Amino acid sequence: MKYLSVEEIFNEVESGKMVILDVRDQYEFDICSINSLQIPMDELFGRLDELPRDKAIAVMCRSGKRAEAVANILITEHDFSNVVVMKGGILAWIEKIATHLESY
């Protein structure tokens, strides 16, 4: 499995080559969110048709554990080939990219 830093992901998203898939729960989105495709982990496998196949997908959660699990399943069970995990999740994003967001 491939891991990218928030800075690397930010650059890829800005260039239009990647989307961020945020798999946190709704209450977590309500605390802070970024420009991403927000699908809670427990809903994701019923909504796979919402995921792009023409761009890389960076999976994100709070710190990375849920993102690892989701990325693994997308790659091994659903034939997504260009999936990465955002190192450090939203916590790293807040620390390095969007310091104005509320941390939790």
PDB file of N, CA and C in Angstrom:
ATOM      1  N   MET A   1       0.847  -1.171   0.000  1.00  0.00           N
ATOM      2  CA  MET A   1       0.000   0.000   0.000  1.00  0.00           C
ATOM      3  C   MET A   1       0.894   1.235   0.000  1.00  0.00           C
ATOM      4  N   LYS A   2       0.464   2.254  -0.714  1.00  0.00           N
ATOM      5  CA  LYS A   2       1.252   3.471  -0.838  1.00  0.00           C
ATOM      6  C   LYS A   2       0.695   4.550   0.092  1.00  0.00           C
ATOM      7  N   TYR A   3       1.597   5.271   0.735  1.00  0.00           N
ATOM      8  CA  TYR A   3       1.249   6.360   1.645  1.00  0.00           C
ATOM      9  C   TYR A   3       1.852   7.647   1.104  1.00  0.00           C
ATOM     10  N   LEU A   4       1.064   8.721   1.128  1.00  0.00           N
ATOM     11  CA  LEU A   4       1.561  10.036   0.723  1.00  0.00           C
ATOM     12  C   LEU A   4       1.328  11.031   1.843  1.00  0.00           C
ATOM     13  N   SER A   5       2.213  12.011   1.908  1.00  0.00           N
ATOM     14  CA  SER A   5       2.055  13.086   2.895  1.00  0.00           C
ATOM     15  C   SER A   5       0.913  14.004   2.477  1.00  0.00           C
ATOM     16  N   VAL A   6       0.434  14.789   3.410  1.00  0.00           N
ATOM     17  CA  VAL A   6      -0.637  15.737   3.092  1.00  0.00           C
ATOM     18  C   VAL A   6      -0.170  16.763   2.064  1.00  0.00           C
ATOM     19  N   GLU A   7       1.092  17.136   2.119  1.00  0.00           N
ATOM     20  CA  GLU A   7       1.615  18.097   1.143  1.00  0.00           C
ATOM     21  C   GLU A   7       1.593  17.506  -0.269  1.00  0.00           C
ATOM     22  N   GLU A   8       2.002  16.239  -0.386  1.00  0.00           N
ATOM     23  CA  GLU A   8       1.982  15.579  -1.694  1.00  0.00           C
ATOM     24  C   GLU A   8       0.550  15.466  -2.217  1.00  0.00           C
ATOM     25  N   ILE A   9      -0.357  15.094  -1.345  1.00  0.00           N
ATOM     26  CA  ILE A   9      -1.761  14.956  -1.741  1.00  0.00           C
ATOM     27  C   ILE A   9      -2.341  16.309  -2.113  1.00  0.00           C
ATOM     28  N   PHE A  10      -2.055  17.331  -1.348  1.00  0.00           N
ATOM     29  CA  PHE A  10      -2.535  18.678  -1.664  1.00  0.00           C
ATOM     30  C   PHE A  10      -2.120  19.057  -3.087  1.00  0.00           C
ATOM     31  N   ASN A  11      -0.860  18.824  -3.443  1.00  0.00           N
ATOM     32  CA  ASN A  11      -0.365  19.172  -4.783  1.00  0.00           C
ATOM     33  C   ASN A  11      -1.067  18.364  -5.874  1.00  0.00           C
ATOM     34  N   GLU A  12      -1.297  17.091  -5.633  1.00  0.00           N
ATOM     35  CA  GLU A  12      -1.972  16.245  -6.614  1.00  0.00           C
ATOM     36  C   GLU A  12      -3.436  16.667  -6.800  1.00  0.00           C
ATOM     37  N   VAL A  13      -4.099  17.005  -5.698  1.00  0.00           N
ATOM     38  CA  VAL A  13      -5.491  17.460  -5.775  1.00  0.00           C
ATOM     39  C   VAL A  13      -5.559  18.786  -6.530  1.00  0.00           C
ATOM     40  N   GLU A  14      -4.653  19.698  -6.207  1.00  0.00           N
ATOM     41  CA  GLU A  14      -4.626  20.999  -6.886  1.00  0.00           C
ATOM     42  C   GLU A  14      -4.406  20.851  -8.393  1.00  0.00           C
ATOM     43  N   SER A  15      -3.638  19.864  -8.798  1.00  0.00           N
ATOM     44  CA  SER A  15      -3.364  19.652 -10.225  1.00  0.00           C
ATOM     45  C   SER A  15      -4.493  18.899 -10.934  1.00  0.00           C
ATOM     46  N   GLY A  16      -5.495  18.442 -10.160  1.00  0.00           N
ATOM     47  CA  GLY A  16      -6.624  17.736 -10.747  1.00  0.00           C
ATOM     48  C   GLY A  16      -6.400  16.255 -10.986  1.00  0.00           C
ATOM     49  N   LYS A  17      -5.299  15.718 -10.481  1.00  0.00           N
ATOM     50  CA  LYS A  17      -4.964  14.316 -10.703  1.00  0.00           C
ATOM     51  C   LYS A  17      -5.501  13.374  -9.634  1.00  0.00           C
ATOM     52  N   MET A  18      -5.968  13.938  -8.533  1.00  0.00           N
ATOM     53  CA  MET A  18      -6.358  13.120  -7.385  1.00  0.00           C
ATOM     54  C   MET A  18      -7.564  13.719  -6.685  1.00  0.00           C
ATOM     55  N   VAL A  19      -8.364  12.838  -6.082  1.00  0.00           N
ATOM     56  CA  VAL A  19      -9.451  13.265  -5.203  1.00  0.00           C
ATOM     57  C   VAL A  19      -9.193  12.676  -3.822  1.00  0.00           C
ATOM     58  N   ILE A  20      -9.714  13.356  -2.822  1.00  0.00           N
ATOM     59  CA  ILE A  20      -9.616  12.861  -1.443  1.00  0.00           C
ATOM     60  C   ILE A  20     -10.939  12.213  -1.075  1.00  0.00           C
ATOM     61  N   LEU A  21     -10.857  10.998  -0.591  1.00  0.00           N
ATOM     62  CA  LEU A  21     -12.020  10.279  -0.077  1.00  0.00           C
ATOM     63  C   LEU A  21     -11.938  10.300   1.440  1.00  0.00           C
ATOM     64  N   ASP A  22     -12.844  11.020   2.070  1.00  0.00           N
ATOM     65  CA  ASP A  22     -12.895  11.149   3.522  1.00  0.00           C
ATOM     66  C   ASP A  22     -13.891  10.130   4.048  1.00  0.00           C
ATOM     67  N   VAL A  23     -13.413   9.146   4.810  1.00  0.00           N
ATOM     68  CA  VAL A  23     -14.270   8.060   5.287  1.00  0.00           C
ATOM     69  C   VAL A  23     -14.669   8.215   6.759  1.00  0.00           C
ATOM     70  N   ARG A  24     -14.480   9.414   7.304  1.00  0.00           N
ATOM     71  CA  ARG A  24     -14.873   9.642   8.698  1.00  0.00           C
ATOM     72  C   ARG A  24     -16.396   9.660   8.821  1.00  0.00           C
ATOM     73  N   ASP A  25     -16.885   9.581  10.053  1.00  0.00           N
ATOM     74  CA  ASP A  25     -18.319   9.620  10.324  1.00  0.00           C
ATOM     75  C   ASP A  25     -18.864  11.037  10.191  1.00  0.00           C
ATOM     76  N   GLN A  26     -20.177  11.144  10.038  1.00  0.00           N
ATOM     77  CA  GLN A  26     -20.813  12.440   9.828  1.00  0.00           C
ATOM     78  C   GLN A  26     -20.491  13.439  10.941  1.00  0.00           C
ATOM     79  N   TYR A  27     -20.500  13.006  12.189  1.00  0.00           N
ATOM     80  CA  TYR A  27     -20.206  13.942  13.271  1.00  0.00           C
ATOM     81  C   TYR A  27     -18.800  14.511  13.135  1.00  0.00           C
ATOM     82  N   GLU A  28     -17.885  13.725  12.566  1.00  0.00           N
ATOM     83  CA  GLU A  28     -16.521  14.203  12.354  1.00  0.00           C
ATOM     84  C   GLU A  28     -16.479  15.227  11.223  1.00  0.00           C
ATOM     85  N   PHE A  29     -17.238  14.979  10.147  1.00  0.00           N
ATOM     86  CA  PHE A  29     -17.331  15.966   9.068  1.00  0.00           C
ATOM     87  C   PHE A  29     -17.860  17.285   9.625  1.00  0.00           C
ATOM     88  N   ASP A  30     -18.826  17.179  10.537  1.00  0.00           N
ATOM     89  CA  ASP A  30     -19.448  18.384  11.105  1.00  0.00           C
ATOM     90  C   ASP A  30     -18.453  19.211  11.913  1.00  0.00           C
ATOM     91  N   ILE A  31     -17.471  18.571  12.512  1.00  0.00           N
ATOM     92  CA  ILE A  31     -16.447  19.293  13.282  1.00  0.00           C
ATOM     93  C   ILE A  31     -15.514  20.036  12.339  1.00  0.00           C
ATOM     94  N   CYS A  32     -15.014  19.356  11.341  1.00  0.00           N
ATOM     95  CA  CYS A  32     -14.140  19.988  10.348  1.00  0.00           C
ATOM     96  C   CYS A  32     -14.154  19.158   9.077  1.00  0.00           C
ATOM     97  N   SER A  33     -14.106  19.840   7.963  1.00  0.00           N
ATOM     98  CA  SER A  33     -14.064  19.132   6.688  1.00  0.00           C
ATOM     99  C   SER A  33     -13.239  19.923   5.692  1.00  0.00           C
ATOM    100  N   ILE A  34     -12.784  19.209   4.676  1.00  0.00           N
ATOM    101  CA  ILE A  34     -12.015  19.822   3.604  1.00  0.00           C
ATOM    102  C   ILE A  34     -12.706  19.478   2.287  1.00  0.00           C
ATOM    103  N   ASN A  35     -12.195  19.999   1.208  1.00  0.00           N
ATOM    104  CA  ASN A  35     -12.768  19.723  -0.099  1.00  0.00           C
ATOM    105  C   ASN A  35     -12.484  18.273  -0.475  1.00  0.00           C
ATOM    106  N   SER A  36     -13.450  17.422  -0.227  1.00  0.00           N
ATOM    107  CA  SER A  36     -13.262  15.990  -0.447  1.00  0.00           C
ATOM    108  C   SER A  36     -14.593  15.336  -0.755  1.00  0.00           C
ATOM    109  N   LEU A  37     -14.508  14.097  -1.190  1.00  0.00           N
ATOM    110  CA  LEU A  37     -15.683  13.258  -1.353  1.00  0.00           C
ATOM    111  C   LEU A  37     -15.920  12.628   0.012  1.00  0.00           C
ATOM    112  N   GLN A  38     -17.003  12.992   0.655  1.00  0.00           N
ATOM    113  CA  GLN A  38     -17.259  12.537   2.026  1.00  0.00           C
ATOM    114  C   GLN A  38     -18.260  11.395   2.027  1.00  0.00           C
ATOM    115  N   ILE A  39     -17.741  10.200   2.294  1.00  0.00           N
ATOM    116  CA  ILE A  39     -18.582   9.002   2.395  1.00  0.00           C
ATOM    117  C   ILE A  39     -18.136   8.244   3.636  1.00  0.00           C
ATOM    118  N   PRO A  40     -18.967   8.202   4.680  1.00  0.00           N
ATOM    119  CA  PRO A  40     -18.579   7.464   5.889  1.00  0.00           C
ATOM    120  C   PRO A  40     -18.226   6.014   5.564  1.00  0.00           C
ATOM    121  N   MET A  41     -17.256   5.502   6.282  1.00  0.00           N
ATOM    122  CA  MET A  41     -16.759   4.143   6.047  1.00  0.00           C
ATOM    123  C   MET A  41     -17.892   3.122   6.019  1.00  0.00           C
ATOM    124  N   ASP A  42     -18.855   3.243   6.910  1.00  0.00           N
ATOM    125  CA  ASP A  42     -19.924   2.244   6.972  1.00  0.00           C
ATOM    126  C   ASP A  42     -20.908   2.343   5.805  1.00  0.00           C
ATOM    127  N   GLU A  43     -20.821   3.403   4.992  1.00  0.00           N
ATOM    128  CA  GLU A  43     -21.682   3.553   3.816  1.00  0.00           C
ATOM    129  C   GLU A  43     -20.931   3.287   2.514  1.00  0.00           C
ATOM    130  N   LEU A  44     -19.629   3.261   2.574  1.00  0.00           N
ATOM    131  CA  LEU A  44     -18.802   3.289   1.370  1.00  0.00           C
ATOM    132  C   LEU A  44     -19.081   2.159   0.393  1.00  0.00           C
ATOM    133  N   PHE A  45     -19.181   0.943   0.870  1.00  0.00           N
ATOM    134  CA  PHE A  45     -19.263  -0.179  -0.052  1.00  0.00           C
ATOM    135  C   PHE A  45     -20.629  -0.305  -0.715  1.00  0.00           C
ATOM    136  N   GLY A  46     -21.594   0.483  -0.269  1.00  0.00           N
ATOM    137  CA  GLY A  46     -22.865   0.622  -0.967  1.00  0.00           C
ATOM    138  C   GLY A  46     -22.862   1.807  -1.922  1.00  0.00           C
ATOM    139  N   ARG A  47     -21.767   2.567  -1.918  1.00  0.00           N
ATOM    140  CA  ARG A  47     -21.686   3.780  -2.739  1.00  0.00           C
ATOM    141  C   ARG A  47     -20.429   3.805  -3.618  1.00  0.00           C
ATOM    142  N   LEU A  48     -19.903   2.658  -3.944  1.00  0.00           N
ATOM    143  CA  LEU A  48     -18.675   2.580  -4.734  1.00  0.00           C
ATOM    144  C   LEU A  48     -18.800   3.271  -6.089  1.00  0.00           C
ATOM    145  N   ASP A  49     -20.018   3.326  -6.618  1.00  0.00           N
ATOM    146  CA  ASP A  49     -20.219   3.967  -7.915  1.00  0.00           C
ATOM    147  C   ASP A  49     -19.941   5.472  -7.885  1.00  0.00           C
ATOM    148  N   GLU A  50     -19.831   6.050  -6.704  1.00  0.00           N
ATOM    149  CA  GLU A  50     -19.518   7.473  -6.577  1.00  0.00           C
ATOM    150  C   GLU A  50     -18.019   7.760  -6.674  1.00  0.00           C
ATOM    151  N   LEU A  51     -17.203   6.706  -6.618  1.00  0.00           N
ATOM    152  CA  LEU A  51     -15.755   6.886  -6.661  1.00  0.00           C
ATOM    153  C   LEU A  51     -15.271   6.980  -8.100  1.00  0.00           C
ATOM    154  N   PRO A  52     -14.387   7.929  -8.380  1.00  0.00           N
ATOM    155  CA  PRO A  52     -13.870   8.046  -9.749  1.00  0.00           C
ATOM    156  C   PRO A  52     -12.893   6.919 -10.065  1.00  0.00           C
ATOM    157  N   ARG A  53     -12.911   6.481 -11.287  1.00  0.00           N
ATOM    158  CA  ARG A  53     -11.940   5.473 -11.741  1.00  0.00           C
ATOM    159  C   ARG A  53     -10.866   6.122 -12.607  1.00  0.00           C
ATOM    160  N   ASP A  54     -11.065   7.394 -12.955  1.00  0.00           N
ATOM    161  CA  ASP A  54     -10.128   8.083 -13.847  1.00  0.00           C
ATOM    162  C   ASP A  54      -9.133   8.982 -13.115  1.00  0.00           C
ATOM    163  N   LYS A  55      -9.177   8.991 -11.793  1.00  0.00           N
ATOM    164  CA  LYS A  55      -8.243   9.776 -10.988  1.00  0.00           C
ATOM    165  C   LYS A  55      -7.751   8.927  -9.828  1.00  0.00           C
ATOM    166  N   ALA A  56      -6.606   9.314  -9.296  1.00  0.00           N
ATOM    167  CA  ALA A  56      -6.113   8.664  -8.084  1.00  0.00           C
ATOM    168  C   ALA A  56      -7.019   9.040  -6.918  1.00  0.00           C
ATOM    169  N   ILE A  57      -7.105   8.160  -5.946  1.00  0.00           N
ATOM    170  CA  ILE A  57      -7.921   8.395  -4.755  1.00  0.00           C
ATOM    171  C   ILE A  57      -7.013   8.351  -3.537  1.00  0.00           C
ATOM    172  N   ALA A  58      -7.045   9.413  -2.749  1.00  0.00           N
ATOM    173  CA  ALA A  58      -6.331   9.455  -1.471  1.00  0.00           C
ATOM    174  C   ALA A  58      -7.363   9.251  -0.371  1.00  0.00           C
ATOM    175  N   VAL A  59      -7.258   8.164   0.361  1.00  0.00           N
ATOM    176  CA  VAL A  59      -8.222   7.855   1.409  1.00  0.00           C
ATOM    177  C   VAL A  59      -7.759   8.506   2.708  1.00  0.00           C
ATOM    178  N   MET A  60      -8.696   9.157   3.382  1.00  0.00           N
ATOM    179  CA  MET A  60      -8.388   9.915   4.589  1.00  0.00           C
ATOM    180  C   MET A  60      -9.399   9.609   5.691  1.00  0.00           C
ATOM    181  N   CYS A  61      -8.915   9.576   6.914  1.00  0.00           N
ATOM    182  CA  CYS A  61      -9.778   9.503   8.094  1.00  0.00           C
ATOM    183  C   CYS A  61      -9.198  10.468   9.124  1.00  0.00           C
ATOM    184  N   ARG A  62      -9.389  10.202  10.393  1.00  0.00           N
ATOM    185  CA  ARG A  62      -8.862  11.121  11.420  1.00  0.00           C
ATOM    186  C   ARG A  62      -7.339  11.030  11.498  1.00  0.00           C
ATOM    187  N   SER A  63      -6.819   9.802  11.647  1.00  0.00           N
ATOM    188  CA  SER A  63      -5.370   9.665  11.800  1.00  0.00           C
ATOM    189  C   SER A  63      -4.746   8.672  10.823  1.00  0.00           C
ATOM    190  N   GLY A  64      -5.529   7.804  10.218  1.00  0.00           N
ATOM    191  CA  GLY A  64      -5.001   6.903   9.204  1.00  0.00           C
ATOM    192  C   GLY A  64      -5.413   5.453   9.277  1.00  0.00           C
ATOM    193  N   LYS A  65      -5.885   4.961  10.407  1.00  0.00           N
ATOM    194  CA  LYS A  65      -6.193   3.537  10.549  1.00  0.00           C
ATOM    195  C   LYS A  65      -7.384   3.099   9.687  1.00  0.00           C
ATOM    196  N   ARG A  66      -8.481   3.852   9.725  1.00  0.00           N
ATOM    197  CA  ARG A  66      -9.631   3.511   8.888  1.00  0.00           C
ATOM    198  C   ARG A  66      -9.272   3.644   7.410  1.00  0.00           C
ATOM    199  N   ALA A  67      -8.487   4.662   7.087  1.00  0.00           N
ATOM    200  CA  ALA A  67      -8.072   4.882   5.699  1.00  0.00           C
ATOM    201  C   ALA A  67      -7.274   3.691   5.184  1.00  0.00           C
ATOM    202  N   GLU A  68      -6.395   3.143   5.993  1.00  0.00           N
ATOM    203  CA  GLU A  68      -5.622   1.962   5.595  1.00  0.00           C
ATOM    204  C   GLU A  68      -6.549   0.793   5.277  1.00  0.00           C
ATOM    205  N   ALA A  69      -7.510   0.549   6.140  1.00  0.00           N
ATOM    206  CA  ALA A  69      -8.437  -0.565   5.939  1.00  0.00           C
ATOM    207  C   ALA A  69      -9.246  -0.374   4.653  1.00  0.00           C
ATOM    208  N   VAL A  70      -9.769   0.825   4.455  1.00  0.00           N
ATOM    209  CA  VAL A  70     -10.567   1.109   3.256  1.00  0.00           C
ATOM    210  C   VAL A  70      -9.714   0.983   1.998  1.00  0.00           C
ATOM    211  N   ALA A  71      -8.532   1.561   1.997  1.00  0.00           N
ATOM    212  CA  ALA A  71      -7.655   1.478   0.826  1.00  0.00           C
ATOM    213  C   ALA A  71      -7.355   0.026   0.483  1.00  0.00           C
ATOM    214  N   ASN A  72      -7.059  -0.767   1.479  1.00  0.00           N
ATOM    215  CA  ASN A  72      -6.766  -2.180   1.258  1.00  0.00           C
ATOM    216  C   ASN A  72      -7.946  -2.891   0.604  1.00  0.00           C
ATOM    217  N   ILE A  73      -9.135  -2.646   1.092  1.00  0.00           N
ATOM    218  CA  ILE A  73     -10.325  -3.295   0.526  1.00  0.00           C
ATOM    219  C   ILE A  73     -10.601  -2.795  -0.890  1.00  0.00           C
ATOM    220  N   LEU A  74     -10.443  -1.493  -1.132  1.00  0.00           N
ATOM    221  CA  LEU A  74     -10.660  -0.968  -2.485  1.00  0.00           C
ATOM    222  C   LEU A  74      -9.710  -1.618  -3.485  1.00  0.00           C
ATOM    223  N   ILE A  75      -8.474  -1.798  -3.077  1.00  0.00           N
ATOM    224  CA  ILE A  75      -7.458  -2.369  -3.964  1.00  0.00           C
ATOM    225  C   ILE A  75      -7.665  -3.869  -4.156  1.00  0.00           C
ATOM    226  N   THR A  76      -7.838  -4.588  -3.066  1.00  0.00           N
ATOM    227  CA  THR A  76      -7.854  -6.058  -3.149  1.00  0.00           C
ATOM    228  C   THR A  76      -9.206  -6.655  -3.527  1.00  0.00           C
ATOM    229  N   GLU A  77     -10.299  -5.976  -3.189  1.00  0.00           N
ATOM    230  CA  GLU A  77     -11.615  -6.566  -3.431  1.00  0.00           C
ATOM    231  C   GLU A  77     -12.448  -5.853  -4.489  1.00  0.00           C
ATOM    232  N   HIS A  78     -12.067  -4.619  -4.855  1.00  0.00           N
ATOM    233  CA  HIS A  78     -12.902  -3.849  -5.793  1.00  0.00           C
ATOM    234  C   HIS A  78     -12.130  -3.312  -6.988  1.00  0.00           C
ATOM    235  N   ASP A  79     -10.915  -3.789  -7.183  1.00  0.00           N
ATOM    236  CA  ASP A  79     -10.116  -3.497  -8.371  1.00  0.00           C
ATOM    237  C   ASP A  79      -9.828  -2.019  -8.622  1.00  0.00           C
ATOM    238  N   PHE A  80      -9.704  -1.240  -7.567  1.00  0.00           N
ATOM    239  CA  PHE A  80      -9.225   0.135  -7.714  1.00  0.00           C
ATOM    240  C   PHE A  80      -7.704   0.055  -7.693  1.00  0.00           C
ATOM    241  N   SER A  81      -7.072   0.603  -8.713  1.00  0.00           N
ATOM    242  CA  SER A  81      -5.630   0.434  -8.843  1.00  0.00           C
ATOM    243  C   SER A  81      -4.820   1.630  -8.351  1.00  0.00           C
ATOM    244  N   ASN A  82      -5.404   2.787  -8.314  1.00  0.00           N
ATOM    245  CA  ASN A  82      -4.634   3.984  -7.974  1.00  0.00           C
ATOM    246  C   ASN A  82      -5.159   4.598  -6.677  1.00  0.00           C
ATOM    247  N   VAL A  83      -4.917   3.907  -5.569  1.00  0.00           N
ATOM    248  CA  VAL A  83      -5.402   4.320  -4.258  1.00  0.00           C
ATOM    249  C   VAL A  83      -4.209   4.485  -3.320  1.00  0.00           C
ATOM    250  N   VAL A  84      -4.197   5.580  -2.587  1.00  0.00           N
ATOM    251  CA  VAL A  84      -3.148   5.839  -1.595  1.00  0.00           C
ATOM    252  C   VAL A  84      -3.802   6.186  -0.265  1.00  0.00           C
ATOM    253  N   VAL A  85      -3.011   6.139   0.781  1.00  0.00           N
ATOM    254  CA  VAL A  85      -3.466   6.528   2.117  1.00  0.00           C
ATOM    255  C   VAL A  85      -2.809   7.853   2.478  1.00  0.00           C
ATOM    256  N   MET A  86      -3.613   8.782   3.007  1.00  0.00           N
ATOM    257  CA  MET A  86      -3.080  10.059   3.477  1.00  0.00           C
ATOM    258  C   MET A  86      -2.436   9.845   4.843  1.00  0.00           C
ATOM    259  N   LYS A  87      -1.123  10.019   4.911  1.00  0.00           N
ATOM    260  CA  LYS A  87      -0.400   9.869   6.180  1.00  0.00           C
ATOM    261  C   LYS A  87      -0.880  10.909   7.185  1.00  0.00           C
ATOM    262  N   GLY A  88      -1.323  10.440   8.337  1.00  0.00           N
ATOM    263  CA  GLY A  88      -1.709  11.341   9.411  1.00  0.00           C
ATOM    264  C   GLY A  88      -3.128  11.849   9.355  1.00  0.00           C
ATOM    265  N   GLY A  89      -3.864  11.583   8.279  1.00  0.00           N
ATOM    266  CA  GLY A  89      -5.266  11.953   8.173  1.00  0.00           C
ATOM    267  C   GLY A  89      -5.551  13.430   8.328  1.00  0.00           C
ATOM    268  N   ILE A  90      -6.770  13.717   8.766  1.00  0.00           N
ATOM    269  CA  ILE A  90      -7.200  15.114   8.915  1.00  0.00           C
ATOM    270  C   ILE A  90      -6.337  15.835   9.947  1.00  0.00           C
ATOM    271  N   LEU A  91      -5.820  15.114  10.928  1.00  0.00           N
ATOM    272  CA  LEU A  91      -4.972  15.757  11.935  1.00  0.00           C
ATOM    273  C   LEU A  91      -3.718  16.345  11.300  1.00  0.00           C
ATOM    274  N   ALA A  92      -3.100  15.606  10.388  1.00  0.00           N
ATOM    275  CA  ALA A  92      -1.925  16.119   9.679  1.00  0.00           C
ATOM    276  C   ALA A  92      -2.309  17.249   8.736  1.00  0.00           C
ATOM    277  N   TRP A  93      -3.473  17.130   8.092  1.00  0.00           N
ATOM    278  CA  TRP A  93      -3.948  18.182   7.186  1.00  0.00           C
ATOM    279  C   TRP A  93      -4.126  19.495   7.954  1.00  0.00           C
ATOM    280  N   ILE A  94      -4.724  19.406   9.124  1.00  0.00           N
ATOM    281  CA  ILE A  94      -4.929  20.600   9.949  1.00  0.00           C
ATOM    282  C   ILE A  94      -3.583  21.187  10.371  1.00  0.00           C
ATOM    283  N   GLU A  95      -2.668  20.338  10.756  1.00  0.00           N
ATOM    284  CA  GLU A  95      -1.358  20.797  11.216  1.00  0.00           C
ATOM    285  C   GLU A  95      -0.542  21.465  10.111  1.00  0.00           C
ATOM    286  N   LYS A  96      -0.626  20.932   8.889  1.00  0.00           N
ATOM    287  CA  LYS A  96       0.288  21.394   7.839  1.00  0.00           C
ATOM    288  C   LYS A  96      -0.355  22.182   6.711  1.00  0.00           C
ATOM    289  N   ILE A  97      -1.647  22.008   6.479  1.00  0.00           N
ATOM    290  CA  ILE A  97      -2.293  22.651   5.328  1.00  0.00           C
ATOM    291  C   ILE A  97      -3.339  23.684   5.762  1.00  0.00           C
ATOM    292  N   ALA A  98      -4.216  23.317   6.659  1.00  0.00           N
ATOM    293  CA  ALA A  98      -5.358  24.168   7.022  1.00  0.00           C
ATOM    294  C   ALA A  98      -5.398  24.386   8.529  1.00  0.00           C
ATOM    295  N   THR A  99      -4.482  25.180   9.026  1.00  0.00           N
ATOM    296  CA  THR A  99      -4.345  25.387  10.471  1.00  0.00           C
ATOM    297  C   THR A  99      -5.552  26.091  11.088  1.00  0.00           C
ATOM    298  N   HIS A 100      -6.400  26.667  10.274  1.00  0.00           N
ATOM    299  CA  HIS A 100      -7.589  27.349  10.786  1.00  0.00           C
ATOM    300  C   HIS A 100      -8.717  26.376  11.178  1.00  0.00           C
ATOM    301  N   LEU A 101      -8.613  25.121  10.741  1.00  0.00           N
ATOM    302  CA  LEU A 101      -9.658  24.157  11.056  1.00  0.00           C
ATOM    303  C   LEU A 101      -9.561  23.675  12.503  1.00  0.00           C
ATOM    304  N   GLU A 102     -10.721  23.313  13.052  1.00  0.00           N
ATOM    305  CA  GLU A 102     -10.762  22.815  14.429  1.00  0.00           C
ATOM    306  C   GLU A 102     -10.267  21.375  14.467  1.00  0.00           C
ATOM    307  N   SER A 103      -9.392  21.077  15.395  1.00  0.00           N
ATOM    308  CA  SER A 103      -8.902  19.721  15.595  1.00  0.00           C
ATOM    309  C   SER A 103      -9.743  19.045  16.664  1.00  0.00           C
ATOM    310  N   TYR A 104      -9.772  17.733  16.648  1.00  0.00           N
ATOM    311  CA  TYR A 104     -10.533  16.993  17.654  1.00  0.00           C
ATOM    312  C   TYR A 104      -9.862  15.694  17.986  1.00  0.00           C
TER     313      TYR A 104
END
